[in-house]
Amino acid sequence: MTAAAWDAAGEWYHAWFTGAVLACVTQRGEADAAALLFRVFRRQQAETFLPGLRKLGLEGLPPAIAAARYHYLSNFIGGVGVEYVEDGPRKAWIRYPPPRWIWSGTAICGIPRAVNEAMLRGWHANNGVMLGCPRLAFVCTGQTVAGDPGLEGYFIEEARDLDESERLRFSAAESMPRFDAAAAPRLPAADWPAERVARAKRNYAMTYCRTLLQEAFALLGAAEARAVLGHAARLVGMQHVRATAAALGAAGFVAFVVALARAEGDDAEVVAQPDGSVIVTRWGCALLDGIADAEPAMTDAWECLLAGALAAWDRFARLERVAPYGWRVTPG
């Protein structure tokens, strides 16, 4: 499998993640969307932050430096634009310049400030707790959604323990110094060859979608989460199928389903039927297989990506599920 195919799968799920958040904003309102983003980033942190520190060789560093380097390197691996400036052992800056990965393209115009801040409250404000350093805070000095030239801020280790309300602060009067890429941290090349980085970039987007599914179902309930995420999935499938298929080198819809499955780390087969239809079967679903207690409605929401893709490819064709990850595709 090529890096281009992994990139295509990552962008497919990246689009669903952003679309699902926007759908939550429009269908459920700012408060629910902010609550969802908080839960997604807090869960993502709990599952990946400390293991990630070990993988990136950041254990033992001062808390502010470890936290900032983690965000710099992990986002770099995920294909996210990010900058880093160290300001002594107790203070380090990070900055996500435009274009923002998480709110790609014009989607950023639909993200309320409170929803963006929920991301910081969910993760950045809790790094000190995870590191066992109650003196660590994150000071946000700019937000792209508010018109600033990037989301930026710094981790700082204060002289005293901080209350929860003090772990995230806002200071619009400050600005991150100019970034020098040559002075920034680097991945240990021996541990992070190009192939591993390419797979990790795909997994970055898929992991966020997996977390989003779980937290949306926990917050909204199965029926509402399936409706909101499924609607977004259908729209994303319609909008992105042609570009994703081209990136995968797939000339037809069935070939697209097979190529996408393989790019995600699964396999698939195609069996032609006497009536002219085709049954395409995936041997697993990497996104959903990672959820130990996946609900059937989660599969329904995810399947809407394929339903939307087929609707754009041939609006007269039909998609019928015949197995957990198998579908009959009947031409129009």
Protein backbone atom coordinates (compact mmCIF):
# COMPACT_ATOMS: atom_id res chain seq x y z
CA MET A 1 0.00 0.00 0.00
CA THR A 2 1.34 3.43 -0.95
CA ALA A 3 1.59 6.61 1.11
CA ALA A 4 -0.82 8.23 -1.38
CA ALA A 5 -3.49 5.64 -0.54
CA TRP A 6 -2.98 6.11 3.20
CA ASP A 7 -3.25 9.87 2.68
CA ALA A 8 -6.51 9.42 0.77
CA ALA A 9 -8.03 7.32 3.56
CA GLY A 10 -6.87 9.85 6.15
CA GLU A 11 -8.43 12.75 4.24
CA TRP A 12 -11.70 10.81 3.85
CA TYR A 13 -12.03 10.45 7.62
CA HIS A 14 -10.67 13.93 8.29
CA ALA A 15 -13.55 15.29 6.20
CA TRP A 16 -16.08 13.21 8.13
CA PHE A 17 -14.73 14.42 11.47
CA THR A 18 -14.98 18.09 10.50
CA GLY A 19 -18.37 17.57 8.85
CA ALA A 20 -19.75 15.78 11.90
CA VAL A 21 -18.75 18.65 14.19
CA LEU A 22 -20.39 21.15 11.84
CA ALA A 23 -23.53 19.00 11.69
CA CYS A 24 -23.62 18.96 15.49
CA VAL A 25 -23.34 22.75 15.55
CA THR A 26 -26.21 23.22 13.08
CA GLN A 27 -28.50 20.44 14.32
CA ARG A 28 -27.85 20.40 18.06
CA GLY A 29 -26.47 23.85 18.78
CA GLU A 30 -23.26 25.38 20.06
CA ALA A 31 -23.52 23.99 23.60
CA ASP A 32 -23.84 20.35 22.51
CA ALA A 33 -21.10 20.75 19.91
CA ALA A 34 -18.77 22.22 22.54
CA ALA A 35 -19.61 19.42 24.97
CA LEU A 36 -18.88 16.86 22.26
CA LEU A 37 -15.50 18.41 21.38
CA PHE A 38 -14.54 18.56 25.06
CA ARG A 39 -15.33 14.86 25.48
CA VAL A 40 -13.53 13.88 22.27
CA PHE A 41 -10.31 15.66 23.19
CA ARG A 42 -10.35 14.61 26.84
CA ARG A 43 -10.82 10.95 25.84
CA GLN A 44 -8.20 11.21 23.10
CA GLN A 45 -5.77 12.64 25.63
CA ALA A 46 -6.47 9.90 28.17
CA GLU A 47 -5.81 7.20 25.57
CA THR A 48 -2.84 8.64 23.67
CA PHE A 49 -0.97 11.36 25.58
CA LEU A 50 1.21 9.39 28.01
CA PRO A 51 1.89 6.50 25.58
CA GLY A 52 2.71 9.13 22.96
CA LEU A 53 5.26 10.79 25.23
CA ARG A 54 7.06 7.46 25.51
CA LYS A 55 6.93 6.78 21.76
CA LEU A 56 8.31 10.24 21.01
CA GLY A 57 11.08 10.01 23.61
CA LEU A 58 9.79 12.93 25.68
CA GLU A 59 9.68 11.36 29.12
CA GLY A 60 11.72 13.11 31.81
CA LEU A 61 11.55 16.58 30.25
CA PRO A 62 10.21 19.55 32.25
CA PRO A 63 6.38 19.51 32.07
CA ALA A 64 5.95 22.61 29.89
CA ILE A 65 8.58 21.39 27.43
CA ALA A 66 7.21 17.84 27.32
CA ALA A 67 3.66 19.07 26.72
CA ALA A 68 4.60 21.51 23.96
CA ARG A 69 6.95 19.08 22.21
CA TYR A 70 4.27 16.40 22.30
CA HIS A 71 1.79 18.69 20.54
CA TYR A 72 4.40 19.77 18.03
CA LEU A 73 5.62 16.29 17.10
CA SER A 74 2.31 14.40 17.26
CA ASN A 75 0.57 17.00 15.10
CA PHE A 76 3.51 17.04 12.71
CA ILE A 77 3.07 13.26 12.28
CA GLY A 78 -0.65 13.77 11.68
CA GLY A 79 0.02 16.20 8.85
CA VAL A 80 -1.11 19.20 10.89
CA GLY A 81 0.69 22.50 10.42
CA VAL A 82 2.30 23.39 13.76
CA GLU A 83 5.12 25.58 15.09
CA TYR A 84 7.18 25.50 18.30
CA VAL A 85 9.28 27.98 20.26
CA GLU A 86 10.98 27.19 23.56
CA ASP A 87 11.29 30.01 26.11
CA GLY A 88 13.28 28.51 28.95
CA PRO A 89 12.65 25.27 30.89
CA ARG A 90 9.26 26.38 32.25
CA LYS A 91 7.65 27.91 29.15
CA ALA A 92 7.15 26.71 25.57
CA TRP A 93 4.94 27.98 22.76
CA ILE A 94 2.96 26.10 20.13
CA ARG A 95 1.10 27.57 17.17
CA TYR A 96 -1.20 26.08 14.57
CA PRO A 97 -0.99 28.47 11.60
CA PRO A 98 -3.65 28.69 8.91
CA PRO A 99 -4.87 26.76 7.09
CA ARG A 100 -6.15 24.87 10.14
CA TRP A 101 -6.22 21.10 9.69
CA ILE A 102 -9.16 20.38 11.94
CA TRP A 103 -11.44 23.03 10.38
CA SER A 104 -10.24 22.64 6.80
CA GLY A 105 -11.24 24.95 3.97
CA THR A 106 -14.31 27.08 4.47
CA ALA A 107 -15.52 24.86 7.34
CA ILE A 108 -13.70 27.21 9.72
CA CYS A 109 -16.39 29.83 9.04
CA GLY A 110 -18.98 27.64 10.78
CA ILE A 111 -17.10 26.87 14.00
CA PRO A 112 -18.15 28.97 17.01
CA ARG A 113 -15.42 30.19 19.31
CA ALA A 114 -16.84 28.18 22.23
CA VAL A 115 -16.54 24.97 20.21
CA ASN A 116 -12.91 25.68 19.39
CA GLU A 117 -12.15 26.53 23.03
CA ALA A 118 -13.72 23.24 24.15
CA MET A 119 -10.87 21.50 22.36
CA LEU A 120 -8.34 23.40 24.49
CA ARG A 121 -10.28 22.73 27.69
CA GLY A 122 -10.50 19.04 26.85
CA TRP A 123 -6.79 18.52 26.23
CA HIS A 124 -4.34 21.42 26.64
CA ALA A 125 -5.70 22.52 30.01
CA ASN A 126 -5.38 18.98 31.37
CA ASN A 127 -1.79 18.21 30.40
CA GLY A 128 -0.50 19.19 33.83
CA VAL A 129 -2.92 16.80 35.52
CA MET A 130 -1.79 13.96 33.25
CA LEU A 131 1.86 14.79 33.91
CA GLY A 132 1.37 15.01 37.67
CA CYS A 133 2.23 18.71 37.63
CA PRO A 134 -0.69 20.80 39.00
CA ARG A 135 1.35 23.98 38.35
CA LEU A 136 1.10 23.66 34.55
CA ALA A 137 -1.24 25.94 32.58
CA PHE A 138 -1.93 26.68 28.93
CA VAL A 139 -2.27 30.34 27.98
CA CYS A 140 -4.10 30.84 24.66
CA THR A 141 -2.96 34.01 22.88
CA GLY A 142 -4.87 33.66 19.59
CA GLN A 143 -7.61 31.69 17.85
CA THR A 144 -8.05 31.36 14.11
CA VAL A 145 -11.83 31.12 14.42
CA ALA A 146 -11.77 34.61 15.98
CA GLY A 147 -9.78 36.02 13.05
CA ASP A 148 -6.31 35.66 14.53
CA PRO A 149 -3.50 34.37 12.26
CA GLY A 150 -3.44 30.96 13.93
CA LEU A 151 -4.33 29.14 17.11
CA GLU A 152 -1.44 29.75 19.46
CA GLY A 153 -0.42 29.83 23.09
CA TYR A 154 2.13 28.58 25.56
CA PHE A 155 2.48 26.02 28.31
CA ILE A 156 3.88 27.53 31.48
CA GLU A 157 4.82 26.00 34.80
CA GLU A 158 3.74 28.42 37.50
CA ALA A 159 5.22 28.71 41.01
CA ARG A 160 2.12 27.29 42.74
CA ASP A 161 -0.55 24.66 42.20
CA LEU A 162 -3.45 25.82 40.02
CA ASP A 163 -7.19 25.36 40.37
CA GLU A 164 -9.03 23.83 37.45
CA SER A 165 -10.30 27.27 36.36
CA GLU A 166 -6.70 28.53 36.12
CA ARG A 167 -5.35 25.80 33.86
CA LEU A 168 -6.62 27.49 30.70
CA ARG A 169 -6.24 31.26 30.36
CA PHE A 170 -6.58 33.73 27.49
CA SER A 171 -4.18 36.60 26.82
CA ALA A 172 -4.77 38.42 23.55
CA ALA A 173 -2.00 40.96 24.25
CA GLU A 174 0.78 38.36 23.83
CA SER A 175 2.10 36.84 20.62
CA MET A 176 4.34 33.87 19.88
CA PRO A 177 7.87 34.72 18.68
CA ARG A 178 8.82 33.86 15.10
CA PHE A 179 9.20 30.12 14.46
CA ASP A 180 12.61 28.74 13.43
CA ALA A 181 12.12 25.30 11.88
CA ALA A 182 15.85 24.54 12.13
CA ALA A 183 15.72 24.91 15.92
CA ALA A 184 12.53 22.88 16.39
CA PRO A 185 12.41 19.34 17.82
CA ARG A 186 12.73 16.45 15.35
CA LEU A 187 11.47 12.91 15.29
CA PRO A 188 14.17 10.32 15.97
CA ALA A 189 14.74 9.15 12.38
CA ALA A 190 15.66 5.60 13.33
CA ASP A 191 12.35 5.11 15.14
CA TRP A 192 10.19 6.99 12.62
CA PRO A 193 10.96 5.91 9.05
CA ALA A 194 8.84 7.40 6.26
CA GLU A 195 6.48 4.41 6.06
CA ARG A 196 5.66 4.56 9.77
CA VAL A 197 4.97 8.30 9.55
CA ALA A 198 2.66 7.80 6.55
CA ARG A 199 0.63 5.11 8.34
CA ALA A 200 0.49 7.21 11.50
CA LYS A 201 -0.86 10.17 9.51
CA ARG A 202 -3.75 8.00 8.29
CA ASN A 203 -4.36 6.63 11.78
CA TYR A 204 -4.43 10.16 13.21
CA ALA A 205 -7.64 11.06 11.35
CA MET A 206 -9.21 7.63 11.82
CA THR A 207 -8.59 7.68 15.56
CA TYR A 208 -10.33 11.03 15.91
CA CYS A 209 -13.36 9.67 14.04
CA ARG A 210 -13.42 6.56 16.23
CA THR A 211 -13.35 8.72 19.35
CA LEU A 212 -16.00 11.03 17.93
CA LEU A 213 -18.33 8.10 17.29
CA GLN A 214 -18.00 6.82 20.84
CA GLU A 215 -18.43 10.19 22.51
CA ALA A 216 -21.32 11.30 20.27
CA PHE A 217 -23.24 8.13 21.12
CA ALA A 218 -22.50 8.59 24.82
CA LEU A 219 -23.54 12.26 24.80
CA LEU A 220 -26.49 12.30 22.39
CA GLY A 221 -27.81 8.77 22.58
CA ALA A 222 -27.80 6.20 19.77
CA ALA A 223 -30.71 7.51 17.71
CA GLU A 224 -29.65 11.16 17.69
CA ALA A 225 -25.95 10.42 17.21
CA ARG A 226 -26.74 8.12 14.30
CA ALA A 227 -28.88 10.86 12.72
CA VAL A 228 -26.32 13.66 13.14
CA LEU A 229 -23.21 11.67 12.22
CA GLY A 230 -24.99 9.73 9.49
CA HIS A 231 -26.24 12.93 7.85
CA ALA A 232 -22.72 14.34 7.89
CA ALA A 233 -21.32 11.07 6.52
CA ARG A 234 -23.74 11.06 3.58
CA LEU A 235 -22.85 14.63 2.66
CA VAL A 236 -19.11 13.97 3.02
CA GLY A 237 -19.40 10.82 0.90
CA MET A 238 -21.15 12.73 -1.88
CA GLN A 239 -18.72 15.62 -1.76
CA HIS A 240 -15.46 13.64 -1.54
CA VAL A 241 -15.95 10.37 -3.41
CA ARG A 242 -14.59 11.53 -6.77
CA ALA A 243 -11.44 13.09 -5.36
CA THR A 244 -10.83 10.16 -3.00
CA ALA A 245 -11.39 7.59 -5.76
CA ALA A 246 -8.94 9.44 -8.01
CA ALA A 247 -6.35 9.51 -5.24
CA LEU A 248 -6.85 5.76 -4.75
CA GLY A 249 -6.67 5.06 -8.49
CA ALA A 250 -10.19 3.55 -8.46
CA ALA A 251 -12.13 3.82 -11.73
CA GLY A 252 -15.53 2.62 -10.48
CA PHE A 253 -17.58 2.67 -7.29
CA VAL A 254 -16.94 -0.98 -6.39
CA ALA A 255 -13.23 -0.52 -7.06
CA PHE A 256 -13.37 2.53 -4.81
CA VAL A 257 -14.91 0.54 -1.92
CA VAL A 258 -12.21 -2.14 -2.27
CA ALA A 259 -9.35 0.35 -2.55
CA LEU A 260 -10.59 2.36 0.43
CA ALA A 261 -10.86 -0.78 2.56
CA ARG A 262 -7.29 -1.73 1.72
CA ALA A 263 -6.02 1.80 2.37
CA GLU A 264 -7.61 1.61 5.84
CA GLY A 265 -5.76 -1.63 6.60
CA ASP A 266 -8.50 -4.15 5.76
CA ASP A 267 -9.08 -6.35 2.72
CA ALA A 268 -12.11 -6.85 0.47
CA GLU A 269 -13.40 -9.09 -2.29
CA VAL A 270 -15.91 -8.69 -5.11
CA VAL A 271 -18.30 -11.38 -6.37
CA ALA A 272 -20.43 -10.74 -9.46
CA GLN A 273 -24.05 -11.96 -9.25
CA PRO A 274 -26.22 -13.52 -12.00
CA ASP A 275 -28.69 -10.61 -11.87
CA GLY A 276 -25.98 -8.09 -12.76
CA SER A 277 -25.42 -6.85 -9.22
CA VAL A 278 -22.14 -7.16 -7.36
CA ILE A 279 -21.50 -8.14 -3.76
CA VAL A 280 -18.48 -6.44 -2.23
CA THR A 281 -17.34 -7.65 1.19
CA ARG A 282 -14.83 -6.10 3.54
CA TRP A 283 -13.01 -8.45 5.91
CA GLY A 284 -13.42 -6.17 8.89
CA CYS A 285 -13.59 -2.45 9.44
CA ALA A 286 -10.51 -0.95 11.09
CA LEU A 287 -12.42 2.10 12.30
CA LEU A 288 -15.24 0.20 14.02
CA ASP A 289 -13.24 -2.88 15.02
CA GLY A 290 -11.32 -0.58 17.36
CA ILE A 291 -14.51 -0.01 19.40
CA ALA A 292 -14.98 -2.87 21.85
CA ASP A 293 -18.68 -2.19 22.45
CA ALA A 294 -19.68 -0.83 19.04
CA GLU A 295 -23.44 -0.36 18.67
CA PRO A 296 -25.23 -1.36 15.43
CA ALA A 297 -26.20 2.28 14.93
CA MET A 298 -22.50 3.16 14.73
CA THR A 299 -22.21 0.90 11.70
CA ASP A 300 -25.30 2.59 10.27
CA ALA A 301 -23.72 6.04 10.65
CA TRP A 302 -20.40 4.93 9.15
CA GLU A 303 -22.17 3.17 6.25
CA CYS A 304 -23.69 6.51 5.25
CA LEU A 305 -20.25 7.44 3.89
CA LEU A 306 -20.66 4.70 1.28
CA ALA A 307 -24.33 5.50 0.66
CA GLY A 308 -23.45 9.11 -0.02
CA ALA A 309 -20.55 8.10 -2.23
CA LEU A 310 -22.80 5.87 -4.36
CA ALA A 311 -25.49 8.55 -4.57
CA ALA A 312 -22.94 10.91 -6.13
CA TRP A 313 -21.45 8.22 -8.35
CA ASP A 314 -24.76 6.92 -9.73
CA ARG A 315 -27.93 8.24 -8.17
CA PHE A 316 -29.97 5.41 -9.68
CA ALA A 317 -27.82 2.60 -8.22
CA ARG A 318 -28.74 0.88 -4.95
CA LEU A 319 -26.67 -0.17 -1.93
CA GLU A 320 -28.02 -2.99 0.25
CA ARG A 321 -26.19 -4.40 3.25
CA VAL A 322 -26.07 -8.21 3.11
CA ALA A 323 -23.43 -8.90 5.79
CA PRO A 324 -21.87 -6.94 8.67
CA TYR A 325 -19.45 -5.34 6.20
CA GLY A 326 -20.85 -6.60 2.92
CA TRP A 327 -23.08 -4.87 0.37
CA ARG A 328 -24.95 -5.69 -2.79
CA VAL A 329 -24.43 -2.93 -5.35
CA THR A 330 -27.16 -2.94 -7.98
CA PRO A 331 -26.64 -0.73 -11.04
CA GLY A 332 -29.29 1.86 -11.84
